[in-house]
Amino acid sequence: MNIPNILTLARIVFIPLLVVLFYLPFKWSMSAAAIFFALAAVTDWLDGYLARRWNQSTPFGAFLDPVADKLMVAVALALMIERFDSWLLTLPALVIIGREIVISALREWMAEMGKRGAVAVSWIGKLKTTLQMAAILVLLGFPPGHLMSHLGVATLYGAALLTLWSMTQYLRAAWPHLSREM
């Protein structure tokens, strides 16, 4: 166990705490949930940075890091779907969650074939993640109808478009391997 792996595990522990903060019946609970999510997003960046910098990448960390990220984002988006109760937010949120499931399955399948490198993370995926984290942070911090929440929804749409673009790229890269098995 090393510090990057501890940070990754902390993100998983943060998930139920985020949910509790979200539902607390206090005025400050949304702001606290947003701050907590921001902390989790920073640990996402920090664990990868430290693992590379200190040469502490492990198979456990390589497995758990994307799982922790996807769980945190999926739970936060589910909370936003409930909070906003609008198809305008639900649509991009479900696109993002659906893409994560598809790409996770694709990466697992490609890894079994020894071709995981064909679906490695791209700059579009990193930009998508940045927009997605920013959107969730804003949506957690501001109530529906607030000017900033409109900006958060618009940013979530930007993340959803990048989500579809990156998924298309991953599927296109994997297609030669997928189509051989048909």
N, C-alpha and C. Protein backbone atom coordinates (compact mmCIF):
# COMPACT_ATOMS: atom_id res chain seq x y z
N MET A 1 0.85 -1.18 0.00
CA MET A 1 0.00 0.00 0.00
C MET A 1 0.90 1.24 0.00
N ASN A 2 0.61 2.15 -0.93
CA ASN A 2 1.39 3.39 -1.01
C ASN A 2 0.44 4.59 -0.98
N ILE A 3 0.99 5.79 -0.95
CA ILE A 3 0.17 7.00 -0.84
C ILE A 3 -0.80 7.16 -2.01
N PRO A 4 -0.37 6.95 -3.27
CA PRO A 4 -1.34 7.05 -4.36
C PRO A 4 -2.53 6.08 -4.19
N ASN A 5 -2.26 4.87 -3.77
CA ASN A 5 -3.35 3.91 -3.57
C ASN A 5 -4.25 4.31 -2.39
N ILE A 6 -3.67 4.88 -1.37
CA ILE A 6 -4.46 5.35 -0.22
C ILE A 6 -5.38 6.49 -0.68
N LEU A 7 -4.86 7.39 -1.52
CA LEU A 7 -5.70 8.48 -2.04
C LEU A 7 -6.85 7.93 -2.88
N THR A 8 -6.57 6.91 -3.66
CA THR A 8 -7.63 6.29 -4.48
C THR A 8 -8.68 5.65 -3.59
N LEU A 9 -8.25 4.93 -2.57
CA LEU A 9 -9.20 4.33 -1.63
C LEU A 9 -10.01 5.40 -0.90
N ALA A 10 -9.37 6.51 -0.60
CA ALA A 10 -10.08 7.61 0.07
C ALA A 10 -11.23 8.11 -0.79
N ARG A 11 -11.03 8.16 -2.11
CA ARG A 11 -12.11 8.59 -3.00
C ARG A 11 -13.31 7.67 -2.90
N ILE A 12 -13.08 6.39 -2.73
CA ILE A 12 -14.19 5.45 -2.59
C ILE A 12 -14.91 5.67 -1.26
N VAL A 13 -14.14 5.94 -0.21
CA VAL A 13 -14.73 6.23 1.10
C VAL A 13 -15.51 7.54 1.05
N PHE A 14 -15.06 8.48 0.21
CA PHE A 14 -15.74 9.77 0.08
C PHE A 14 -17.16 9.64 -0.48
N ILE A 15 -17.43 8.59 -1.23
CA ILE A 15 -18.72 8.48 -1.92
C ILE A 15 -19.90 8.50 -0.95
N PRO A 16 -19.95 7.63 0.06
CA PRO A 16 -21.10 7.72 0.97
C PRO A 16 -21.11 9.03 1.77
N LEU A 17 -19.93 9.59 2.03
CA LEU A 17 -19.88 10.87 2.74
C LEU A 17 -20.46 11.98 1.87
N LEU A 18 -20.19 11.94 0.57
CA LEU A 18 -20.77 12.90 -0.36
C LEU A 18 -22.30 12.81 -0.33
N VAL A 19 -22.81 11.59 -0.34
CA VAL A 19 -24.27 11.39 -0.32
C VAL A 19 -24.86 11.93 0.98
N VAL A 20 -24.21 11.66 2.09
CA VAL A 20 -24.70 12.16 3.38
C VAL A 20 -24.71 13.69 3.38
N LEU A 21 -23.63 14.30 2.94
CA LEU A 21 -23.58 15.76 2.89
C LEU A 21 -24.68 16.32 1.99
N PHE A 22 -24.90 15.66 0.87
CA PHE A 22 -25.91 16.11 -0.09
C PHE A 22 -27.31 16.16 0.55
N TYR A 23 -27.62 15.19 1.38
CA TYR A 23 -28.96 15.09 1.96
C TYR A 23 -29.12 15.75 3.32
N LEU A 24 -28.06 16.28 3.89
CA LEU A 24 -28.20 16.96 5.18
C LEU A 24 -29.19 18.13 5.05
N PRO A 25 -30.03 18.33 6.04
CA PRO A 25 -31.06 19.38 5.95
C PRO A 25 -30.58 20.76 6.39
N PHE A 26 -29.41 21.15 5.91
CA PHE A 26 -28.86 22.44 6.28
C PHE A 26 -28.60 23.26 5.02
N LYS A 27 -28.63 24.58 5.16
CA LYS A 27 -28.37 25.47 4.02
C LYS A 27 -26.99 25.24 3.42
N TRP A 28 -26.04 24.94 4.26
CA TRP A 28 -24.66 24.80 3.83
C TRP A 28 -24.33 23.43 3.24
N SER A 29 -25.27 22.50 3.26
CA SER A 29 -24.94 21.13 2.85
C SER A 29 -24.55 21.04 1.37
N MET A 30 -25.18 21.82 0.50
CA MET A 30 -24.82 21.77 -0.92
C MET A 30 -23.41 22.30 -1.14
N SER A 31 -23.09 23.40 -0.47
CA SER A 31 -21.72 23.94 -0.58
C SER A 31 -20.71 22.95 -0.04
N ALA A 32 -21.04 22.31 1.06
CA ALA A 32 -20.13 21.32 1.64
C ALA A 32 -19.96 20.13 0.69
N ALA A 33 -21.05 19.69 0.06
CA ALA A 33 -20.96 18.59 -0.90
C ALA A 33 -20.09 18.99 -2.09
N ALA A 34 -20.22 20.23 -2.55
CA ALA A 34 -19.40 20.71 -3.67
C ALA A 34 -17.92 20.74 -3.28
N ILE A 35 -17.63 21.23 -2.09
CA ILE A 35 -16.24 21.28 -1.62
C ILE A 35 -15.68 19.87 -1.48
N PHE A 36 -16.49 18.98 -0.96
CA PHE A 36 -16.07 17.59 -0.80
C PHE A 36 -15.78 16.95 -2.15
N PHE A 37 -16.65 17.21 -3.14
CA PHE A 37 -16.43 16.68 -4.48
C PHE A 37 -15.15 17.26 -5.07
N ALA A 38 -14.91 18.55 -4.85
CA ALA A 38 -13.67 19.17 -5.34
C ALA A 38 -12.45 18.50 -4.72
N LEU A 39 -12.52 18.20 -3.45
CA LEU A 39 -11.42 17.49 -2.78
C LEU A 39 -11.19 16.13 -3.42
N ALA A 40 -12.27 15.42 -3.71
CA ALA A 40 -12.15 14.11 -4.37
C ALA A 40 -11.52 14.27 -5.75
N ALA A 41 -11.92 15.30 -6.49
CA ALA A 41 -11.36 15.53 -7.83
C ALA A 41 -9.86 15.82 -7.74
N VAL A 42 -9.45 16.57 -6.72
CA VAL A 42 -8.02 16.87 -6.54
C VAL A 42 -7.27 15.58 -6.22
N THR A 43 -7.84 14.71 -5.38
CA THR A 43 -7.14 13.45 -5.08
C THR A 43 -7.04 12.57 -6.32
N ASP A 44 -8.01 12.69 -7.24
CA ASP A 44 -7.94 11.95 -8.50
C ASP A 44 -6.69 12.37 -9.28
N TRP A 45 -6.49 13.66 -9.38
CA TRP A 45 -5.31 14.16 -10.09
C TRP A 45 -4.04 13.80 -9.31
N LEU A 46 -4.07 14.02 -7.98
CA LEU A 46 -2.89 13.85 -7.15
C LEU A 46 -2.40 12.41 -7.10
N ASP A 47 -3.32 11.44 -7.02
CA ASP A 47 -2.85 10.05 -6.93
C ASP A 47 -2.10 9.64 -8.20
N GLY A 48 -2.61 10.06 -9.36
CA GLY A 48 -1.91 9.74 -10.61
C GLY A 48 -0.57 10.44 -10.72
N TYR A 49 -0.56 11.72 -10.34
CA TYR A 49 0.69 12.48 -10.37
C TYR A 49 1.75 11.84 -9.47
N LEU A 50 1.35 11.51 -8.23
CA LEU A 50 2.32 10.93 -7.28
C LEU A 50 2.77 9.54 -7.73
N ALA A 51 1.85 8.76 -8.26
CA ALA A 51 2.23 7.41 -8.72
C ALA A 51 3.28 7.50 -9.82
N ARG A 52 3.10 8.44 -10.74
CA ARG A 52 4.09 8.61 -11.82
C ARG A 52 5.38 9.23 -11.29
N ARG A 53 5.25 10.26 -10.49
CA ARG A 53 6.42 11.00 -9.99
C ARG A 53 7.30 10.12 -9.11
N TRP A 54 6.67 9.34 -8.23
CA TRP A 54 7.42 8.50 -7.31
C TRP A 54 7.61 7.08 -7.82
N ASN A 55 7.20 6.85 -9.05
CA ASN A 55 7.30 5.52 -9.66
C ASN A 55 6.63 4.47 -8.77
N GLN A 56 5.41 4.76 -8.34
CA GLN A 56 4.68 3.86 -7.44
C GLN A 56 3.40 3.32 -8.09
N SER A 57 3.39 3.23 -9.40
CA SER A 57 2.24 2.64 -10.07
C SER A 57 2.17 1.16 -9.71
N THR A 58 0.96 0.70 -9.41
CA THR A 58 0.76 -0.71 -9.06
C THR A 58 -0.42 -1.25 -9.85
N PRO A 59 -0.48 -2.56 -10.03
CA PRO A 59 -1.66 -3.14 -10.69
C PRO A 59 -2.95 -2.82 -9.92
N PHE A 60 -2.88 -2.84 -8.59
CA PHE A 60 -4.05 -2.52 -7.78
C PHE A 60 -4.51 -1.08 -8.04
N GLY A 61 -3.58 -0.15 -8.08
CA GLY A 61 -3.91 1.25 -8.36
C GLY A 61 -4.44 1.44 -9.76
N ALA A 62 -3.83 0.74 -10.73
CA ALA A 62 -4.30 0.84 -12.12
C ALA A 62 -5.72 0.33 -12.26
N PHE A 63 -6.08 -0.68 -11.48
CA PHE A 63 -7.46 -1.19 -11.48
C PHE A 63 -8.39 -0.25 -10.74
N LEU A 64 -8.00 0.15 -9.53
CA LEU A 64 -8.92 0.85 -8.63
C LEU A 64 -9.14 2.32 -9.02
N ASP A 65 -8.14 2.99 -9.57
CA ASP A 65 -8.27 4.41 -9.88
C ASP A 65 -9.45 4.70 -10.81
N PRO A 66 -9.55 4.03 -11.97
CA PRO A 66 -10.71 4.33 -12.82
C PRO A 66 -12.04 3.91 -12.21
N VAL A 67 -12.02 2.87 -11.39
CA VAL A 67 -13.26 2.45 -10.71
C VAL A 67 -13.70 3.54 -9.74
N ALA A 68 -12.77 4.06 -8.95
CA ALA A 68 -13.10 5.11 -7.99
C ALA A 68 -13.63 6.35 -8.71
N ASP A 69 -12.99 6.71 -9.81
CA ASP A 69 -13.42 7.88 -10.57
C ASP A 69 -14.84 7.70 -11.10
N LYS A 70 -15.08 6.57 -11.71
CA LYS A 70 -16.40 6.32 -12.31
C LYS A 70 -17.50 6.23 -11.26
N LEU A 71 -17.19 5.61 -10.13
CA LEU A 71 -18.18 5.54 -9.05
C LEU A 71 -18.51 6.93 -8.51
N MET A 72 -17.49 7.74 -8.27
CA MET A 72 -17.71 9.09 -7.74
C MET A 72 -18.54 9.92 -8.72
N VAL A 73 -18.20 9.87 -9.99
CA VAL A 73 -18.92 10.66 -10.99
C VAL A 73 -20.34 10.14 -11.15
N ALA A 74 -20.53 8.82 -11.23
CA ALA A 74 -21.87 8.26 -11.41
C ALA A 74 -22.78 8.61 -10.23
N VAL A 75 -22.26 8.51 -9.02
CA VAL A 75 -23.07 8.85 -7.84
C VAL A 75 -23.41 10.34 -7.84
N ALA A 76 -22.43 11.19 -8.13
CA ALA A 76 -22.69 12.64 -8.17
C ALA A 76 -23.71 12.98 -9.25
N LEU A 77 -23.59 12.35 -10.42
CA LEU A 77 -24.57 12.62 -11.48
C LEU A 77 -25.96 12.11 -11.09
N ALA A 78 -26.02 10.98 -10.43
CA ALA A 78 -27.33 10.47 -9.97
C ALA A 78 -27.96 11.45 -8.98
N LEU A 79 -27.16 12.00 -8.10
CA LEU A 79 -27.67 13.00 -7.16
C LEU A 79 -28.17 14.24 -7.91
N MET A 80 -27.46 14.64 -8.95
CA MET A 80 -27.88 15.81 -9.73
C MET A 80 -29.17 15.53 -10.50
N ILE A 81 -29.31 14.31 -11.01
CA ILE A 81 -30.54 13.94 -11.71
C ILE A 81 -31.73 14.10 -10.77
N GLU A 82 -31.57 13.63 -9.54
CA GLU A 82 -32.66 13.76 -8.57
C GLU A 82 -32.90 15.23 -8.22
N ARG A 83 -31.84 15.94 -7.96
CA ARG A 83 -31.96 17.33 -7.50
C ARG A 83 -32.62 18.22 -8.55
N PHE A 84 -32.21 18.08 -9.81
CA PHE A 84 -32.71 18.96 -10.85
C PHE A 84 -34.05 18.47 -11.43
N ASP A 85 -34.29 17.17 -11.35
CA ASP A 85 -35.56 16.60 -11.80
C ASP A 85 -35.97 17.16 -13.16
N SER A 86 -35.05 17.11 -14.12
CA SER A 86 -35.30 17.66 -15.45
C SER A 86 -34.60 16.81 -16.49
N TRP A 87 -35.29 16.57 -17.59
CA TRP A 87 -34.69 15.80 -18.67
C TRP A 87 -33.49 16.54 -19.25
N LEU A 88 -33.46 17.87 -19.12
CA LEU A 88 -32.35 18.65 -19.65
C LEU A 88 -31.03 18.31 -18.98
N LEU A 89 -31.08 17.94 -17.72
CA LEU A 89 -29.87 17.50 -17.03
C LEU A 89 -29.72 15.99 -17.11
N THR A 90 -30.83 15.28 -17.07
CA THR A 90 -30.80 13.82 -17.09
C THR A 90 -30.15 13.29 -18.37
N LEU A 91 -30.46 13.90 -19.51
CA LEU A 91 -29.93 13.42 -20.79
C LEU A 91 -28.41 13.41 -20.82
N PRO A 92 -27.73 14.53 -20.58
CA PRO A 92 -26.26 14.46 -20.64
C PRO A 92 -25.67 13.59 -19.53
N ALA A 93 -26.33 13.57 -18.37
CA ALA A 93 -25.82 12.74 -17.27
C ALA A 93 -25.85 11.26 -17.66
N LEU A 94 -26.95 10.82 -18.26
CA LEU A 94 -27.05 9.41 -18.66
C LEU A 94 -26.12 9.08 -19.83
N VAL A 95 -25.90 10.04 -20.72
CA VAL A 95 -24.92 9.82 -21.80
C VAL A 95 -23.54 9.57 -21.19
N ILE A 96 -23.17 10.38 -20.20
CA ILE A 96 -21.86 10.22 -19.57
C ILE A 96 -21.76 8.89 -18.83
N ILE A 97 -22.78 8.55 -18.06
CA ILE A 97 -22.76 7.28 -17.33
C ILE A 97 -22.73 6.10 -18.30
N GLY A 98 -23.56 6.16 -19.34
CA GLY A 98 -23.60 5.07 -20.33
C GLY A 98 -22.27 4.89 -21.03
N ARG A 99 -21.63 5.99 -21.39
CA ARG A 99 -20.34 5.91 -22.06
C ARG A 99 -19.30 5.26 -21.15
N GLU A 100 -19.33 5.61 -19.88
CA GLU A 100 -18.36 5.03 -18.95
C GLU A 100 -18.52 3.51 -18.88
N ILE A 101 -19.75 3.04 -18.89
CA ILE A 101 -19.99 1.60 -18.86
C ILE A 101 -19.47 0.95 -20.15
N VAL A 102 -19.80 1.53 -21.29
CA VAL A 102 -19.37 0.98 -22.58
C VAL A 102 -17.85 0.94 -22.68
N ILE A 103 -17.20 2.03 -22.34
CA ILE A 103 -15.74 2.10 -22.49
C ILE A 103 -15.04 1.20 -21.47
N SER A 104 -15.59 1.10 -20.27
CA SER A 104 -15.00 0.18 -19.29
C SER A 104 -15.06 -1.26 -19.80
N ALA A 105 -16.21 -1.64 -20.34
CA ALA A 105 -16.35 -3.00 -20.88
C ALA A 105 -15.42 -3.19 -22.07
N LEU A 106 -15.33 -2.19 -22.93
CA LEU A 106 -14.45 -2.27 -24.10
C LEU A 106 -12.99 -2.42 -23.67
N ARG A 107 -12.57 -1.63 -22.69
CA ARG A 107 -11.18 -1.73 -22.22
C ARG A 107 -10.90 -3.09 -21.61
N GLU A 108 -11.85 -3.62 -20.85
CA GLU A 108 -11.65 -4.95 -20.26
C GLU A 108 -11.54 -6.01 -21.36
N TRP A 109 -12.41 -5.94 -22.33
CA TRP A 109 -12.39 -6.91 -23.42
C TRP A 109 -11.09 -6.81 -24.22
N MET A 110 -10.67 -5.56 -24.52
CA MET A 110 -9.43 -5.36 -25.27
C MET A 110 -8.22 -5.84 -24.46
N ALA A 111 -8.24 -5.66 -23.15
CA ALA A 111 -7.14 -6.12 -22.30
C ALA A 111 -7.05 -7.65 -22.35
N GLU A 112 -8.21 -8.31 -22.36
CA GLU A 112 -8.21 -9.78 -22.47
C GLU A 112 -7.58 -10.24 -23.77
N MET A 113 -7.71 -9.42 -24.81
CA MET A 113 -7.13 -9.75 -26.11
C MET A 113 -5.67 -9.28 -26.22
N GLY A 114 -5.17 -8.62 -25.16
CA GLY A 114 -3.81 -8.10 -25.20
C GLY A 114 -3.69 -6.83 -26.03
N LYS A 115 -4.77 -6.12 -26.22
CA LYS A 115 -4.80 -4.92 -27.06
C LYS A 115 -5.26 -3.68 -26.30
N ARG A 116 -5.02 -3.64 -25.01
CA ARG A 116 -5.51 -2.52 -24.20
C ARG A 116 -4.98 -1.17 -24.70
N GLY A 117 -3.79 -1.16 -25.24
CA GLY A 117 -3.21 0.08 -25.75
C GLY A 117 -4.03 0.72 -26.86
N ALA A 118 -4.83 -0.07 -27.55
CA ALA A 118 -5.66 0.47 -28.64
C ALA A 118 -6.75 1.38 -28.10
N VAL A 119 -7.07 1.26 -26.81
CA VAL A 119 -8.12 2.10 -26.22
C VAL A 119 -7.58 2.85 -25.00
N ALA A 120 -6.34 3.33 -25.11
CA ALA A 120 -5.73 4.10 -24.03
C ALA A 120 -6.41 5.47 -23.93
N VAL A 121 -6.29 6.08 -22.77
CA VAL A 121 -6.91 7.38 -22.52
C VAL A 121 -6.30 8.42 -23.47
N SER A 122 -7.16 9.24 -24.07
CA SER A 122 -6.71 10.26 -25.01
C SER A 122 -6.87 11.65 -24.39
N TRP A 123 -6.37 12.66 -25.08
CA TRP A 123 -6.51 14.03 -24.60
C TRP A 123 -7.97 14.45 -24.57
N ILE A 124 -8.77 13.90 -25.47
CA ILE A 124 -10.21 14.23 -25.47
C ILE A 124 -10.85 13.69 -24.19
N GLY A 125 -10.46 12.49 -23.79
CA GLY A 125 -10.97 11.91 -22.55
C GLY A 125 -10.57 12.75 -21.34
N LYS A 126 -9.36 13.27 -21.36
CA LYS A 126 -8.91 14.11 -20.24
C LYS A 126 -9.68 15.44 -20.21
N LEU A 127 -9.91 16.02 -21.38
CA LEU A 127 -10.69 17.25 -21.45
C LEU A 127 -12.13 17.00 -21.02
N LYS A 128 -12.69 15.87 -21.45
CA LYS A 128 -14.04 15.49 -21.05
C LYS A 128 -14.13 15.37 -19.54
N THR A 129 -13.15 14.74 -18.93
CA THR A 129 -13.14 14.57 -17.48
C THR A 129 -13.06 15.93 -16.78
N THR A 130 -12.24 16.83 -17.30
CA THR A 130 -12.11 18.16 -16.70
C THR A 130 -13.44 18.91 -16.76
N LEU A 131 -14.10 18.91 -17.92
CA LEU A 131 -15.40 19.58 -18.05
C LEU A 131 -16.44 18.93 -17.15
N GLN A 132 -16.43 17.63 -17.11
CA GLN A 132 -17.39 16.88 -16.30
C GLN A 132 -17.23 17.20 -14.82
N MET A 133 -16.01 17.23 -14.34
CA MET A 133 -15.75 17.54 -12.94
C MET A 133 -16.17 18.98 -12.63
N ALA A 134 -15.85 19.91 -13.53
CA ALA A 134 -16.23 21.31 -13.32
C ALA A 134 -17.75 21.44 -13.30
N ALA A 135 -18.44 20.77 -14.22
CA ALA A 135 -19.90 20.83 -14.27
C ALA A 135 -20.51 20.29 -12.98
N ILE A 136 -20.04 19.15 -12.53
CA ILE A 136 -20.59 18.55 -11.32
C ILE A 136 -20.33 19.45 -10.11
N LEU A 137 -19.16 20.00 -10.05
CA LEU A 137 -18.82 20.91 -8.94
C LEU A 137 -19.79 22.10 -8.90
N VAL A 138 -20.04 22.70 -10.04
CA VAL A 138 -20.97 23.84 -10.12
C VAL A 138 -22.39 23.39 -9.79
N LEU A 139 -22.81 22.25 -10.34
CA LEU A 139 -24.17 21.77 -10.11
C LEU A 139 -24.41 21.38 -8.65
N LEU A 140 -23.38 20.88 -7.99
CA LEU A 140 -23.49 20.58 -6.56
C LEU A 140 -23.58 21.86 -5.74
N GLY A 141 -22.88 22.88 -6.17
CA GLY A 141 -22.77 24.09 -5.37
C GLY A 141 -23.89 25.10 -5.53
N PHE A 142 -24.65 25.00 -6.62
CA PHE A 142 -25.69 25.99 -6.88
C PHE A 142 -27.03 25.31 -7.14
N PRO A 143 -28.10 25.86 -6.61
CA PRO A 143 -29.42 25.22 -6.76
C PRO A 143 -29.97 25.37 -8.17
N PRO A 144 -30.90 24.49 -8.56
CA PRO A 144 -31.56 24.63 -9.85
C PRO A 144 -32.16 26.03 -10.00
N GLY A 145 -32.02 26.60 -11.19
CA GLY A 145 -32.55 27.92 -11.45
C GLY A 145 -31.54 29.04 -11.26
N HIS A 146 -30.51 28.81 -10.50
CA HIS A 146 -29.45 29.81 -10.29
C HIS A 146 -28.68 29.97 -11.60
N LEU A 147 -28.23 31.17 -11.88
CA LEU A 147 -27.47 31.43 -13.10
C LEU A 147 -26.29 30.46 -13.25
N MET A 148 -25.58 30.22 -12.15
CA MET A 148 -24.42 29.31 -12.20
C MET A 148 -24.85 27.88 -12.52
N SER A 149 -26.03 27.47 -12.07
CA SER A 149 -26.48 26.10 -12.39
C SER A 149 -26.75 25.96 -13.88
N HIS A 150 -27.20 27.04 -14.52
CA HIS A 150 -27.39 27.01 -15.99
C HIS A 150 -26.03 26.83 -16.68
N LEU A 151 -25.02 27.51 -16.15
CA LEU A 151 -23.67 27.34 -16.68
C LEU A 151 -23.19 25.90 -16.45
N GLY A 152 -23.51 25.34 -15.28
CA GLY A 152 -23.15 23.96 -14.99
C GLY A 152 -23.79 22.97 -15.95
N VAL A 153 -25.08 23.18 -16.26
CA VAL A 153 -25.77 22.31 -17.21
C VAL A 153 -25.14 22.44 -18.60
N ALA A 154 -24.84 23.67 -19.01
CA ALA A 154 -24.20 23.88 -20.32
C ALA A 154 -22.83 23.19 -20.36
N THR A 155 -22.09 23.27 -19.28
CA THR A 155 -20.78 22.60 -19.21
C THR A 155 -20.95 21.09 -19.25
N LEU A 156 -22.01 20.59 -18.60
CA LEU A 156 -22.28 19.14 -18.64
C LEU A 156 -22.59 18.70 -20.07
N TYR A 157 -23.30 19.53 -20.84
CA TYR A 157 -23.54 19.21 -22.25
C TYR A 157 -22.24 19.18 -23.03
N GLY A 158 -21.34 20.10 -22.74
CA GLY A 158 -20.03 20.07 -23.38
C GLY A 158 -19.30 18.78 -23.07
N ALA A 159 -19.36 18.37 -21.80
CA ALA A 159 -18.73 17.10 -21.40
C ALA A 159 -19.39 15.92 -22.10
N ALA A 160 -20.72 15.96 -22.23
CA ALA A 160 -21.44 14.87 -22.90
C ALA A 160 -21.06 14.79 -24.37
N LEU A 161 -20.90 15.92 -25.04
CA LEU A 161 -20.48 15.91 -26.44
C LEU A 161 -19.07 15.32 -26.58
N LEU A 162 -18.17 15.74 -25.69
CA LEU A 162 -16.82 15.16 -25.71
C LEU A 162 -16.85 13.67 -25.36
N THR A 163 -17.80 13.30 -24.51
CA THR A 163 -18.00 11.89 -24.15
C THR A 163 -18.33 11.07 -25.39
N LEU A 164 -19.27 11.57 -26.18
CA LEU A 164 -19.65 10.85 -27.41
C LEU A 164 -18.50 10.83 -28.41
N TRP A 165 -17.78 11.95 -28.52
CA TRP A 165 -16.65 12.02 -29.43
C TRP A 165 -15.57 11.02 -29.03
N SER A 166 -15.22 11.01 -27.75
CA SER A 166 -14.16 10.09 -27.31
C SER A 166 -14.62 8.64 -27.42
N MET A 167 -15.90 8.37 -27.14
CA MET A 167 -16.39 7.00 -27.28
C MET A 167 -16.30 6.55 -28.73
N THR A 168 -16.64 7.45 -29.65
CA THR A 168 -16.53 7.12 -31.07
C THR A 168 -15.09 6.81 -31.45
N GLN A 169 -14.15 7.60 -30.93
CA GLN A 169 -12.74 7.34 -31.21
C GLN A 169 -12.29 5.99 -30.66
N TYR A 170 -12.69 5.69 -29.42
CA TYR A 170 -12.31 4.41 -28.82
C TYR A 170 -12.91 3.24 -29.60
N LEU A 171 -14.18 3.36 -29.96
CA LEU A 171 -14.82 2.28 -30.72
C LEU A 171 -14.19 2.13 -32.10
N ARG A 172 -13.86 3.24 -32.73
CA ARG A 172 -13.20 3.19 -34.05
C ARG A 172 -11.83 2.51 -33.93
N ALA A 173 -11.08 2.83 -32.88
CA ALA A 173 -9.77 2.21 -32.68
C ALA A 173 -9.90 0.71 -32.41
N ALA A 174 -10.97 0.33 -31.72
CA ALA A 174 -11.16 -1.09 -31.36
C ALA A 174 -11.86 -1.87 -32.46
N TRP A 175 -12.50 -1.19 -33.41
CA TRP A 175 -13.32 -1.87 -34.40
C TRP A 175 -12.60 -2.98 -35.17
N PRO A 176 -11.35 -2.77 -35.60
CA PRO A 176 -10.68 -3.89 -36.30
C PRO A 176 -10.61 -5.16 -35.46
N HIS A 177 -10.46 -5.00 -34.17
CA HIS A 177 -10.38 -6.17 -33.28
C HIS A 177 -11.78 -6.72 -33.00
N LEU A 178 -12.75 -5.83 -32.89
CA LEU A 178 -14.14 -6.27 -32.65
C LEU A 178 -14.72 -6.96 -33.87
N SER A 179 -14.46 -6.40 -35.05
CA SER A 179 -15.09 -6.94 -36.26
C SER A 179 -14.50 -8.29 -36.67
N ARG A 180 -13.28 -8.59 -36.26
CA ARG A 180 -12.71 -9.91 -36.55
C ARG A 180 -13.44 -11.03 -35.85
N GLU A 181 -14.06 -10.69 -34.73
CA GLU A 181 -14.74 -11.70 -33.92
C GLU A 181 -16.18 -11.92 -34.36
N MET A 182 -16.65 -11.14 -35.36
CA MET A 182 -18.06 -11.25 -35.77
C MET A 182 -18.30 -12.46 -36.64
